[in-house]
Amino acid sequence: MAKKTKYHFNKETLSYEKIEITFSKVLKAIGIYTFVGITIGIVTFFVVSKFFSSPTEKSLRKDNEDLRNRYKLIEKQINEMNGVMNDLRFRDNNLYRVIFQADPIELNQDSSLQYYDKISEMSNADLMNYILKKTNDLAKSVYVQSKSYDELVLLAKQNENRLQNLPAIQPVMNKDLRRLASGYGYRVDPIYHVKRFHAGMDFAAPSGTDIYATGNGKVSFAGWQQG
């Protein structure tokens, strides 16, 4: 099949002239079409990438969101366990160690609660390091508290006799108690009228009131004494 010959109208000569197709014109046309095609392809790629996600990308985003929600749940559980550990340590210091007259252990004030809402802003690496640090801190707290209880068990064995003789109840029932006549500590002596240390507590009750031994002992005297 013969190729069609193309002409163009020359306004200066008012005549049709044959269009000559040269190699340079072919290259120029190919270059223009190639440039336009590449430009359209790049623009299309960015538009699709920005506004349309592939099934794989959607799946990865969902997995990432699920992972962060799980990390939030793990952090919440760690914070709750830290609260329990601090409560146990508070009781340790203010009850058990007071009884055994032992030095207190340091309380762990966990300030990580303020970072809870920042999990969604962390990178995956930072998030992993953050949770790992909190887990290690909790493990250290559990270890310290475990060693403390080991020490308390040893102190309990060493002070078994002392604990048995330590006053644990009030010697007079509240229904029979008139008043606390004198408390423990320094007071003005009722006989000598000078400030002296009173190593005990005096309870006032009617005659014949039952008196209970407050430790592993016995009531050694029941009667009236002056001074």
C-alpha atoms as a PDB file:
ATOM      1  CA  MET A   1       0.000   0.000   0.000  1.00  0.00           C
ATOM      2  CA  ALA A   2       1.398   3.380  -1.001  1.00  0.00           C
ATOM      3  CA  LYS A   3       1.954   5.897   1.723  1.00  0.00           C
ATOM      4  CA  LYS A   4      -0.252   8.950   1.679  1.00  0.00           C
ATOM      5  CA  THR A   5       1.518  12.125   0.743  1.00  0.00           C
ATOM      6  CA  LYS A   6       0.796  15.046   3.073  1.00  0.00           C
ATOM      7  CA  TYR A   7       0.753  18.689   2.076  1.00  0.00           C
ATOM      8  CA  HIS A   8       0.513  21.966   3.929  1.00  0.00           C
ATOM      9  CA  PHE A   9      -0.747  25.348   2.642  1.00  0.00           C
ATOM     10  CA  ASN A  10       1.882  28.072   2.310  1.00  0.00           C
ATOM     11  CA  LYS A  11       0.229  31.430   2.976  1.00  0.00           C
ATOM     12  CA  GLU A  12       3.062  33.369   1.403  1.00  0.00           C
ATOM     13  CA  THR A  13       3.049  31.562  -1.933  1.00  0.00           C
ATOM     14  CA  LEU A  14      -0.645  30.676  -1.737  1.00  0.00           C
ATOM     15  CA  SER A  15       0.166  27.145  -2.803  1.00  0.00           C
ATOM     16  CA  TYR A  16       0.266  23.639  -1.327  1.00  0.00           C
ATOM     17  CA  GLU A  17       3.682  22.285  -0.577  1.00  0.00           C
ATOM     18  CA  LYS A  18       4.588  18.680   0.018  1.00  0.00           C
ATOM     19  CA  ILE A  19       5.594  17.847   3.598  1.00  0.00           C
ATOM     20  CA  GLU A  20       8.990  16.251   3.642  1.00  0.00           C
ATOM     21  CA  ILE A  21       9.481  13.750   6.517  1.00  0.00           C
ATOM     22  CA  THR A  22      13.107  13.846   7.623  1.00  0.00           C
ATOM     23  CA  PHE A  23      14.938  11.778  10.225  1.00  0.00           C
ATOM     24  CA  SER A  24      15.367  14.788  12.531  1.00  0.00           C
ATOM     25  CA  LYS A  25      11.633  15.479  12.453  1.00  0.00           C
ATOM     26  CA  VAL A  26      10.918  11.871  13.344  1.00  0.00           C
ATOM     27  CA  LEU A  27      13.308  12.039  16.301  1.00  0.00           C
ATOM     28  CA  LYS A  28      11.782  15.311  17.427  1.00  0.00           C
ATOM     29  CA  ALA A  29       8.256  13.866  17.315  1.00  0.00           C
ATOM     30  CA  ILE A  30       9.341  10.755  19.197  1.00  0.00           C
ATOM     31  CA  GLY A  31      11.036  12.922  21.834  1.00  0.00           C
ATOM     32  CA  ILE A  32       7.939  15.073  22.330  1.00  0.00           C
ATOM     33  CA  TYR A  33       5.603  12.089  22.628  1.00  0.00           C
ATOM     34  CA  THR A  34       8.013  10.325  24.988  1.00  0.00           C
ATOM     35  CA  PHE A  35       8.343  13.390  27.242  1.00  0.00           C
ATOM     36  CA  VAL A  36       4.578  13.904  27.377  1.00  0.00           C
ATOM     37  CA  GLY A  37       4.019  10.206  28.111  1.00  0.00           C
ATOM     38  CA  ILE A  38       6.581  10.139  30.924  1.00  0.00           C
ATOM     39  CA  THR A  39       5.160  13.332  32.462  1.00  0.00           C
ATOM     40  CA  ILE A  40       1.615  11.956  32.406  1.00  0.00           C
ATOM     41  CA  GLY A  41       2.854   8.671  33.894  1.00  0.00           C
ATOM     42  CA  ILE A  42       4.682  10.399  36.772  1.00  0.00           C
ATOM     43  CA  VAL A  43       1.712  12.628  37.604  1.00  0.00           C
ATOM     44  CA  THR A  44      -0.646   9.648  37.459  1.00  0.00           C
ATOM     45  CA  PHE A  45       1.655   7.607  39.747  1.00  0.00           C
ATOM     46  CA  PHE A  46       1.785  10.310  42.440  1.00  0.00           C
ATOM     47  CA  VAL A  47      -1.965  10.923  42.300  1.00  0.00           C
ATOM     48  CA  VAL A  48      -2.740   7.220  42.606  1.00  0.00           C
ATOM     49  CA  SER A  49      -0.139   6.754  45.368  1.00  0.00           C
ATOM     50  CA  LYS A  50      -1.505   9.662  47.385  1.00  0.00           C
ATOM     51  CA  PHE A  51      -5.231   9.092  47.073  1.00  0.00           C
ATOM     52  CA  PHE A  52      -5.511   5.380  46.303  1.00  0.00           C
ATOM     53  CA  SER A  53      -3.876   2.612  48.332  1.00  0.00           C
ATOM     54  CA  SER A  54      -3.114  -0.818  47.010  1.00  0.00           C
ATOM     55  CA  PRO A  55      -4.521  -3.863  48.853  1.00  0.00           C
ATOM     56  CA  THR A  56      -1.022  -4.566  50.196  1.00  0.00           C
ATOM     57  CA  GLU A  57      -0.652  -1.024  51.560  1.00  0.00           C
ATOM     58  CA  LYS A  58      -4.097  -1.156  53.161  1.00  0.00           C
ATOM     59  CA  SER A  59      -3.206  -4.457  54.817  1.00  0.00           C
ATOM     60  CA  LEU A  60       0.113  -3.085  56.113  1.00  0.00           C
ATOM     61  CA  ARG A  61      -1.541   0.052  57.506  1.00  0.00           C
ATOM     62  CA  LYS A  62      -4.162  -2.030  59.292  1.00  0.00           C
ATOM     63  CA  ASP A  63      -1.486  -4.329  60.733  1.00  0.00           C
ATOM     64  CA  ASN A  64       0.508  -1.300  61.904  1.00  0.00           C
ATOM     65  CA  GLU A  65      -2.554   0.223  63.579  1.00  0.00           C
ATOM     66  CA  ASP A  66      -3.369  -3.097  65.278  1.00  0.00           C
ATOM     67  CA  LEU A  67       0.227  -3.357  66.494  1.00  0.00           C
ATOM     68  CA  ARG A  68       0.127   0.132  68.043  1.00  0.00           C
ATOM     69  CA  ASN A  69      -3.176  -0.631  69.757  1.00  0.00           C
ATOM     70  CA  ARG A  70      -1.614  -3.763  71.238  1.00  0.00           C
ATOM     71  CA  TYR A  71       1.360  -1.738  72.450  1.00  0.00           C
ATOM     72  CA  LYS A  72      -1.057   0.692  74.122  1.00  0.00           C
ATOM     73  CA  LEU A  73      -2.763  -2.225  75.853  1.00  0.00           C
ATOM     74  CA  ILE A  74       0.593  -3.642  76.971  1.00  0.00           C
ATOM     75  CA  GLU A  75       1.636  -0.247  78.341  1.00  0.00           C
ATOM     76  CA  LYS A  76      -1.646   0.090  80.208  1.00  0.00           C
ATOM     77  CA  GLN A  77      -1.116  -3.315  81.822  1.00  0.00           C
ATOM     78  CA  ILE A  78       2.478  -2.421  82.726  1.00  0.00           C
ATOM     79  CA  ASN A  79       1.298   0.832  84.328  1.00  0.00           C
ATOM     80  CA  GLU A  80      -1.303  -1.063  86.353  1.00  0.00           C
ATOM     81  CA  MET A  81       1.339  -3.534  87.545  1.00  0.00           C
ATOM     82  CA  ASN A  82       3.655  -0.632  88.427  1.00  0.00           C
ATOM     83  CA  GLY A  83       0.840   0.821  90.521  1.00  0.00           C
ATOM     84  CA  VAL A  84       0.451  -2.495  92.361  1.00  0.00           C
ATOM     85  CA  MET A  85       4.212  -2.678  92.934  1.00  0.00           C
ATOM     86  CA  ASN A  86       4.301   0.852  94.352  1.00  0.00           C
ATOM     87  CA  ASP A  87       1.383   0.014  96.649  1.00  0.00           C
ATOM     88  CA  LEU A  88       3.184  -3.109  97.893  1.00  0.00           C
ATOM     89  CA  ARG A  89       6.346  -1.106  98.446  1.00  0.00           C
ATOM     90  CA  PHE A  90       4.427   1.589 100.320  1.00  0.00           C
ATOM     91  CA  ARG A  91       2.976  -1.045 102.670  1.00  0.00           C
ATOM     92  CA  ASP A  92       6.409  -2.589 102.990  1.00  0.00           C
ATOM     93  CA  ASN A  93       7.923   0.709 104.134  1.00  0.00           C
ATOM     94  CA  ASN A  94       5.071   1.909 106.324  1.00  0.00           C
ATOM     95  CA  LEU A  95       4.023  -1.348 107.976  1.00  0.00           C
ATOM     96  CA  TYR A  96       6.402  -4.281 107.834  1.00  0.00           C
ATOM     97  CA  ARG A  97       9.656  -2.324 108.005  1.00  0.00           C
ATOM     98  CA  VAL A  98       8.278  -0.117 110.756  1.00  0.00           C
ATOM     99  CA  ILE A  99       7.508  -3.221 112.826  1.00  0.00           C
ATOM    100  CA  PHE A 100      10.989  -4.635 112.266  1.00  0.00           C
ATOM    101  CA  GLN A 101      12.650  -1.201 112.542  1.00  0.00           C
ATOM    102  CA  ALA A 102      14.337  -1.724 109.154  1.00  0.00           C
ATOM    103  CA  ASP A 103      15.462   0.915 106.669  1.00  0.00           C
ATOM    104  CA  PRO A 104      12.848   1.751 103.998  1.00  0.00           C
ATOM    105  CA  ILE A 105      13.329   0.882 100.342  1.00  0.00           C
ATOM    106  CA  GLU A 106      13.112   3.551  97.669  1.00  0.00           C
ATOM    107  CA  LEU A 107       9.695   4.093  96.120  1.00  0.00           C
ATOM    108  CA  ASN A 108       9.526   3.982  92.333  1.00  0.00           C
ATOM    109  CA  GLN A 109       7.523   6.948  91.045  1.00  0.00           C
ATOM    110  CA  ASP A 110       6.501   5.943  87.531  1.00  0.00           C
ATOM    111  CA  SER A 111       5.998   9.046  85.354  1.00  0.00           C
ATOM    112  CA  SER A 112       5.510   7.176  82.095  1.00  0.00           C
ATOM    113  CA  LEU A 113       1.725   7.631  82.111  1.00  0.00           C
ATOM    114  CA  GLN A 114       2.160  10.984  80.410  1.00  0.00           C
ATOM    115  CA  TYR A 115       3.626   9.224  77.354  1.00  0.00           C
ATOM    116  CA  TYR A 116       0.594   6.998  76.791  1.00  0.00           C
ATOM    117  CA  ASP A 117      -0.960   9.261  74.155  1.00  0.00           C
ATOM    118  CA  LYS A 118       2.378   9.712  72.357  1.00  0.00           C
ATOM    119  CA  ILE A 119       2.588   6.090  71.247  1.00  0.00           C
ATOM    120  CA  SER A 120       0.774   6.894  68.005  1.00  0.00           C
ATOM    121  CA  GLU A 121       3.463   9.502  67.214  1.00  0.00           C
ATOM    122  CA  MET A 122       6.461   7.212  67.785  1.00  0.00           C
ATOM    123  CA  SER A 123       8.337   5.382  65.086  1.00  0.00           C
ATOM    124  CA  ASN A 124       8.311   1.597  65.239  1.00  0.00           C
ATOM    125  CA  ALA A 125      11.897   1.514  66.552  1.00  0.00           C
ATOM    126  CA  ASP A 126      11.208   4.136  69.262  1.00  0.00           C
ATOM    127  CA  LEU A 127       8.011   2.350  70.237  1.00  0.00           C
ATOM    128  CA  MET A 128       9.803  -0.972  70.617  1.00  0.00           C
ATOM    129  CA  ASN A 129      12.580   0.611  72.734  1.00  0.00           C
ATOM    130  CA  TYR A 130      10.018   2.439  74.875  1.00  0.00           C
ATOM    131  CA  ILE A 131       8.017  -0.707  75.700  1.00  0.00           C
ATOM    132  CA  LEU A 132      11.227  -2.677  76.267  1.00  0.00           C
ATOM    133  CA  LYS A 133      12.463  -0.066  78.772  1.00  0.00           C
ATOM    134  CA  LYS A 134       9.171  -0.114  80.666  1.00  0.00           C
ATOM    135  CA  THR A 135       9.278  -3.919  80.805  1.00  0.00           C
ATOM    136  CA  ASN A 136      12.843  -3.862  82.140  1.00  0.00           C
ATOM    137  CA  ASP A 137      11.911  -1.239  84.757  1.00  0.00           C
ATOM    138  CA  LEU A 138       9.010  -3.394  85.920  1.00  0.00           C
ATOM    139  CA  ALA A 139      11.259  -6.462  86.120  1.00  0.00           C
ATOM    140  CA  LYS A 140      13.718  -4.491  88.280  1.00  0.00           C
ATOM    141  CA  SER A 141      10.895  -3.374  90.587  1.00  0.00           C
ATOM    142  CA  VAL A 142       9.694  -6.966  90.982  1.00  0.00           C
ATOM    143  CA  TYR A 143      13.257  -8.097  91.753  1.00  0.00           C
ATOM    144  CA  VAL A 144      13.794  -5.357  94.359  1.00  0.00           C
ATOM    145  CA  GLN A 145      10.470  -6.133  96.040  1.00  0.00           C
ATOM    146  CA  SER A 146      11.234  -9.861  96.018  1.00  0.00           C
ATOM    147  CA  LYS A 147      14.593  -9.239  97.744  1.00  0.00           C
ATOM    148  CA  SER A 148      12.816  -7.001 100.253  1.00  0.00           C
ATOM    149  CA  TYR A 149      10.368  -9.762 101.158  1.00  0.00           C
ATOM    150  CA  ASP A 150      13.285 -12.186 101.554  1.00  0.00           C
ATOM    151  CA  GLU A 151      14.811  -9.714 104.007  1.00  0.00           C
ATOM    152  CA  LEU A 152      11.508  -9.343 105.871  1.00  0.00           C
ATOM    153  CA  VAL A 153      11.188 -13.128 106.231  1.00  0.00           C
ATOM    154  CA  LEU A 154      14.694 -13.233 107.714  1.00  0.00           C
ATOM    155  CA  LEU A 155      13.883 -10.353 110.087  1.00  0.00           C
ATOM    156  CA  ALA A 156      10.675 -12.105 111.150  1.00  0.00           C
ATOM    157  CA  LYS A 157      12.631 -15.246 112.050  1.00  0.00           C
ATOM    158  CA  GLN A 158      15.256 -13.230 113.919  1.00  0.00           C
ATOM    159  CA  ASN A 159      12.609 -11.243 115.834  1.00  0.00           C
ATOM    160  CA  GLU A 160      10.135 -14.060 116.448  1.00  0.00           C
ATOM    161  CA  ASN A 161      10.394 -13.792 120.251  1.00  0.00           C
ATOM    162  CA  ARG A 162      10.185  -9.989 120.141  1.00  0.00           C
ATOM    163  CA  LEU A 163       7.100 -10.094 117.920  1.00  0.00           C
ATOM    164  CA  GLN A 164       5.361 -12.511 120.288  1.00  0.00           C
ATOM    165  CA  ASN A 165       5.869 -10.064 123.149  1.00  0.00           C
ATOM    166  CA  LEU A 166       5.015  -6.953 121.142  1.00  0.00           C
ATOM    167  CA  PRO A 167       1.719  -5.404 122.320  1.00  0.00           C
ATOM    168  CA  ALA A 168      -0.870  -6.058 119.638  1.00  0.00           C
ATOM    169  CA  ILE A 169      -4.187  -5.190 121.295  1.00  0.00           C
ATOM    170  CA  GLN A 170      -5.597  -2.700 123.777  1.00  0.00           C
ATOM    171  CA  PRO A 171      -5.591  -4.111 127.356  1.00  0.00           C
ATOM    172  CA  VAL A 172      -9.061  -2.708 128.094  1.00  0.00           C
ATOM    173  CA  MET A 173     -12.074  -2.954 125.809  1.00  0.00           C
ATOM    174  CA  ASN A 174     -13.445   0.341 124.522  1.00  0.00           C
ATOM    175  CA  LYS A 175     -16.819  -0.223 126.184  1.00  0.00           C
ATOM    176  CA  ASP A 176     -15.088  -0.330 129.598  1.00  0.00           C
ATOM    177  CA  LEU A 177     -12.604   2.453 128.909  1.00  0.00           C
ATOM    178  CA  ARG A 178     -13.322   5.740 130.676  1.00  0.00           C
ATOM    179  CA  ARG A 179     -10.349   7.668 129.343  1.00  0.00           C
ATOM    180  CA  LEU A 180      -6.697   7.425 128.416  1.00  0.00           C
ATOM    181  CA  ALA A 181      -5.136   8.605 131.641  1.00  0.00           C
ATOM    182  CA  SER A 182      -1.642   9.108 130.282  1.00  0.00           C
ATOM    183  CA  GLY A 183       0.029   8.502 126.938  1.00  0.00           C
ATOM    184  CA  TYR A 184       3.445   7.288 125.869  1.00  0.00           C
ATOM    185  CA  GLY A 185       6.287   9.837 125.856  1.00  0.00           C
ATOM    186  CA  TYR A 186       7.346  12.857 127.868  1.00  0.00           C
ATOM    187  CA  ARG A 187       4.869  14.252 130.398  1.00  0.00           C
ATOM    188  CA  VAL A 188       4.742  16.206 133.666  1.00  0.00           C
ATOM    189  CA  ASP A 189       5.170  13.651 136.449  1.00  0.00           C
ATOM    190  CA  PRO A 190       2.044  13.661 138.662  1.00  0.00           C
ATOM    191  CA  ILE A 191       4.142  13.114 141.809  1.00  0.00           C
ATOM    192  CA  TYR A 192       7.322  15.139 141.256  1.00  0.00           C
ATOM    193  CA  HIS A 193       5.771  17.681 138.864  1.00  0.00           C
ATOM    194  CA  VAL A 194       8.771  17.651 136.528  1.00  0.00           C
ATOM    195  CA  LYS A 195       8.986  16.626 132.887  1.00  0.00           C
ATOM    196  CA  ARG A 196       9.873  12.924 132.683  1.00  0.00           C
ATOM    197  CA  PHE A 197       9.636  10.165 130.092  1.00  0.00           C
ATOM    198  CA  HIS A 198       6.648   7.848 130.514  1.00  0.00           C
ATOM    199  CA  ALA A 199       7.445   4.437 128.997  1.00  0.00           C
ATOM    200  CA  GLY A 200       3.911   3.171 128.748  1.00  0.00           C
ATOM    201  CA  MET A 201       0.230   4.074 128.504  1.00  0.00           C
ATOM    202  CA  ASP A 202      -2.274   4.394 131.361  1.00  0.00           C
ATOM    203  CA  PHE A 203      -5.928   3.399 130.861  1.00  0.00           C
ATOM    204  CA  ALA A 204      -8.650   4.404 133.311  1.00  0.00           C
ATOM    205  CA  ALA A 205     -11.512   1.905 133.776  1.00  0.00           C
ATOM    206  CA  PRO A 206     -13.995   0.918 136.543  1.00  0.00           C
ATOM    207  CA  SER A 207     -12.881  -1.487 139.271  1.00  0.00           C
ATOM    208  CA  GLY A 208     -13.381  -5.123 138.256  1.00  0.00           C
ATOM    209  CA  THR A 209     -12.892  -4.475 134.535  1.00  0.00           C
ATOM    210  CA  ASP A 210     -11.339  -7.378 132.637  1.00  0.00           C
ATOM    211  CA  ILE A 211      -7.710  -6.734 131.687  1.00  0.00           C
ATOM    212  CA  TYR A 212      -6.104  -8.530 128.756  1.00  0.00           C
ATOM    213  CA  ALA A 213      -2.443  -9.292 128.167  1.00  0.00           C
ATOM    214  CA  THR A 214      -1.519  -7.485 124.955  1.00  0.00           C
ATOM    215  CA  GLY A 215       1.305  -9.838 124.027  1.00  0.00           C
ATOM    216  CA  ASN A 216       2.815 -13.161 125.006  1.00  0.00           C
ATOM    217  CA  GLY A 217       2.712 -12.412 128.724  1.00  0.00           C
ATOM    218  CA  LYS A 218       0.458 -12.274 131.756  1.00  0.00           C
ATOM    219  CA  VAL A 219      -1.134  -9.683 134.021  1.00  0.00           C
ATOM    220  CA  SER A 220       1.403  -9.436 136.877  1.00  0.00           C
ATOM    221  CA  PHE A 221      -0.577  -7.157 139.185  1.00  0.00           C
ATOM    222  CA  ALA A 222      -4.185  -6.088 139.606  1.00  0.00           C
ATOM    223  CA  GLY A 223      -4.850  -3.658 142.435  1.00  0.00           C
ATOM    224  CA  TRP A 224      -4.416  -0.091 143.656  1.00  0.00           C
ATOM    225  CA  GLN A 225      -1.067   1.646 143.983  1.00  0.00           C
ATOM    226  CA  GLN A 226      -0.135   5.196 144.864  1.00  0.00           C
ATOM    227  CA  GLY A 227       2.650   6.998 143.008  1.00  0.00           C
END
